[in-house]
Amino acid sequence: MHASAAHEVSPADQPSSADIKALRGKAWDIRPRQVAKVTGIASALALLAACNSGPPLKAPSPDEPISTVRYQCQQNKTMVADFYDGPSRTGADGRPIPGGRVLVQLSDGRKFSLPQTLSGSGIRYADSSEAMVFWSKGDTAFVEEGPNKAVTYRDCVAKKA
């Protein structure tokens, strides 16, 4: 057998015209599914690209508040709370302690920067002596002051912008 004989196909091994028609039909059956799959993937990628078409998001600097809330309280008092994020730390007992802080500006002119502390409900900020405490839960807040924990700003509700 010479080298070209290895590439020869006998008439019995050649596909019939019926086989060719069947294969062509299957190719057309497969092609639309492949096109649909590729089109679906391309559409998903285009959608993801469109969702992120703006500049990349960046976290606020530690000097910029992540949120500012204005509250209206009883007795016509008001307060503004600037909330800041910060790294958590671990307490002596191993519990995580939130690392945020709040800058509270009261309508009587006083300002306090308080670190976030542990809270059973809502978000609690207090100085180290617990003489000034700011509590916030949902759109409400209040301030406790002094050794007797007198509520000096009560029933405060976030103002709608």
Protein backbone atom coordinates (compact mmCIF):
# COMPACT_ATOMS: atom_id res chain seq x y z
CA MET A 1 0.00 0.00 0.00
CA HIS A 2 1.52 3.32 -0.86
CA ALA A 3 1.15 6.52 1.19
CA SER A 4 -1.79 7.95 -0.76
CA ALA A 5 -3.79 4.75 -0.30
CA ALA A 6 -4.12 5.43 3.44
CA HIS A 7 -6.15 8.57 2.65
CA GLU A 8 -8.46 6.97 0.16
CA VAL A 9 -12.04 6.33 1.23
CA SER A 10 -13.90 3.43 -0.24
CA PRO A 11 -17.39 4.07 -1.61
CA ALA A 12 -18.83 2.02 1.25
CA ASP A 13 -17.28 4.42 3.82
CA GLN A 14 -18.60 7.59 2.19
CA PRO A 15 -21.75 9.11 3.70
CA SER A 16 -24.89 8.87 1.61
CA SER A 17 -26.81 11.95 0.50
CA ALA A 18 -29.41 11.10 3.18
CA ASP A 19 -26.68 11.15 5.83
CA ILE A 20 -25.46 14.54 4.58
CA LYS A 21 -29.01 15.97 4.66
CA ALA A 22 -29.50 14.66 8.21
CA LEU A 23 -26.21 16.19 9.35
CA ARG A 24 -27.07 19.53 7.72
CA GLY A 25 -30.40 19.51 9.55
CA LYS A 26 -28.67 18.86 12.87
CA ALA A 27 -26.17 21.63 12.22
CA TRP A 28 -29.03 24.07 11.74
CA ASP A 29 -30.67 22.75 14.94
CA ILE A 30 -27.48 23.31 16.94
CA ARG A 31 -26.49 26.68 15.48
CA PRO A 32 -29.50 28.69 16.77
CA ARG A 33 -28.96 27.30 20.28
CA GLN A 34 -25.28 28.22 20.16
CA VAL A 35 -26.10 31.69 18.84
CA ALA A 36 -28.72 32.13 21.56
CA LYS A 37 -26.23 31.04 24.22
CA VAL A 38 -23.51 33.39 22.94
CA THR A 39 -26.05 36.21 22.58
CA GLY A 40 -27.25 35.61 26.14
CA ILE A 41 -23.72 35.72 27.51
CA ALA A 42 -22.92 38.86 25.51
CA SER A 43 -26.12 40.51 26.78
CA ALA A 44 -25.26 39.66 30.38
CA LEU A 45 -21.76 41.08 29.97
CA ALA A 46 -23.14 44.25 28.37
CA LEU A 47 -25.59 44.65 31.26
CA LEU A 48 -22.80 44.26 33.81
CA ALA A 49 -20.68 46.79 31.96
CA ALA A 50 -23.59 49.25 31.85
CA CYS A 51 -24.14 48.88 35.60
CA ASN A 52 -20.55 49.86 36.25
CA SER A 53 -20.22 52.53 33.59
CA GLY A 54 -19.54 55.34 36.09
CA PRO A 55 -16.37 56.01 38.00
CA PRO A 56 -15.35 53.29 40.46
CA LEU A 57 -16.97 53.58 43.87
CA LYS A 58 -14.67 54.60 46.66
CA ALA A 59 -15.16 54.50 50.40
CA PRO A 60 -15.45 57.88 52.09
CA SER A 61 -12.30 59.06 53.81
CA PRO A 62 -12.26 58.79 57.61
CA ASP A 63 -12.75 62.58 57.71
CA GLU A 64 -16.00 62.44 55.72
CA PRO A 65 -19.25 61.26 57.33
CA ILE A 66 -20.94 58.26 55.76
CA SER A 67 -24.28 59.82 56.69
CA THR A 68 -25.68 63.05 58.15
CA VAL A 69 -29.07 63.05 59.87
CA ARG A 70 -31.02 66.08 61.14
CA TYR A 71 -33.40 65.40 64.02
CA GLN A 72 -36.40 67.34 65.35
CA CYS A 73 -36.92 66.73 69.06
CA GLN A 74 -39.45 67.58 71.78
CA GLN A 75 -39.43 71.11 73.23
CA ASN A 76 -38.49 72.49 69.80
CA LYS A 77 -34.92 71.20 70.16
CA THR A 78 -32.91 69.94 67.20
CA MET A 79 -29.69 68.04 66.65
CA VAL A 80 -27.51 67.01 63.73
CA ALA A 81 -25.61 63.72 63.77
CA ASP A 82 -22.69 63.05 61.42
CA PHE A 83 -21.97 59.31 61.36
CA TYR A 84 -18.44 58.04 60.65
CA ASP A 85 -17.25 54.50 59.99
CA GLY A 86 -14.16 53.02 61.59
CA PRO A 87 -12.38 49.72 62.19
CA SER A 88 -13.83 47.38 64.81
CA ARG A 89 -11.74 46.37 67.79
CA THR A 90 -11.87 43.47 70.23
CA GLY A 91 -12.88 43.96 73.85
CA ALA A 92 -11.09 42.38 76.81
CA ASP A 93 -13.72 39.63 76.85
CA GLY A 94 -13.18 38.88 73.14
CA ARG A 95 -16.39 40.52 71.90
CA PRO A 96 -16.10 42.75 68.82
CA ILE A 97 -16.61 46.45 69.53
CA PRO A 98 -17.87 48.59 66.65
CA GLY A 99 -15.39 51.22 65.51
CA GLY A 100 -17.70 53.97 64.28
CA ARG A 101 -18.20 57.38 65.82
CA VAL A 102 -20.75 60.19 65.71
CA LEU A 103 -20.35 63.95 65.86
CA VAL A 104 -23.49 65.33 67.54
CA GLN A 105 -24.32 69.03 67.26
CA LEU A 106 -27.05 70.07 69.69
CA SER A 107 -29.30 73.11 69.17
CA ASP A 108 -27.90 74.69 72.38
CA GLY A 109 -24.54 74.99 70.58
CA ARG A 110 -22.67 72.07 72.14
CA LYS A 111 -20.81 69.51 70.02
CA PHE A 112 -19.69 66.03 71.02
CA SER A 113 -17.65 63.40 69.23
CA LEU A 114 -18.59 60.01 70.66
CA PRO A 115 -17.23 56.55 69.87
CA GLN A 116 -19.63 53.73 69.04
CA THR A 117 -20.18 51.26 71.89
CA LEU A 118 -21.93 47.95 72.35
CA SER A 119 -25.70 48.08 72.12
CA GLY A 120 -28.46 45.55 72.65
CA SER A 121 -30.68 47.41 70.18
CA GLY A 122 -30.02 50.29 67.81
CA ILE A 123 -26.71 52.14 67.65
CA ARG A 124 -25.17 53.54 70.84
CA TYR A 125 -22.38 56.11 71.16
CA ALA A 126 -20.92 57.20 74.51
CA ASP A 127 -17.93 58.95 76.00
CA SER A 128 -15.63 56.90 78.26
CA SER A 129 -17.34 58.12 81.46
CA GLU A 130 -20.84 57.41 80.07
CA ALA A 131 -21.73 61.05 80.93
CA MET A 132 -22.86 61.70 77.34
CA VAL A 133 -24.76 59.01 75.43
CA PHE A 134 -26.38 59.25 71.99
CA TRP A 135 -28.76 56.45 70.97
CA SER A 136 -30.21 55.97 67.51
CA LYS A 137 -32.63 53.36 66.24
CA GLY A 138 -34.28 53.57 62.84
CA ASP A 139 -35.24 57.22 62.29
CA THR A 140 -35.39 58.08 66.02
CA ALA A 141 -32.76 59.15 68.54
CA PHE A 142 -32.26 60.58 72.02
CA VAL A 143 -29.45 61.95 74.23
CA GLU A 144 -28.72 61.01 77.85
CA GLU A 145 -26.47 63.21 79.98
CA GLY A 146 -24.89 63.20 83.42
CA PRO A 147 -24.53 60.60 86.14
CA ASN A 148 -28.31 60.19 86.41
CA LYS A 149 -28.64 59.64 82.66
CA ALA A 150 -31.16 62.46 82.25
CA VAL A 151 -32.73 62.44 78.78
CA THR A 152 -32.07 65.99 77.55
CA TYR A 153 -33.05 65.48 73.89
CA ARG A 154 -36.03 63.16 73.66
CA ASP A 155 -38.40 61.84 71.01
CA CYS A 156 -36.09 63.01 68.24
CA VAL A 157 -37.21 62.05 64.74
CA ALA A 158 -35.16 62.31 61.57
CA LYS A 159 -36.34 65.14 59.34
CA LYS A 160 -37.33 64.10 55.85
CA ALA A 161 -35.30 65.89 53.20
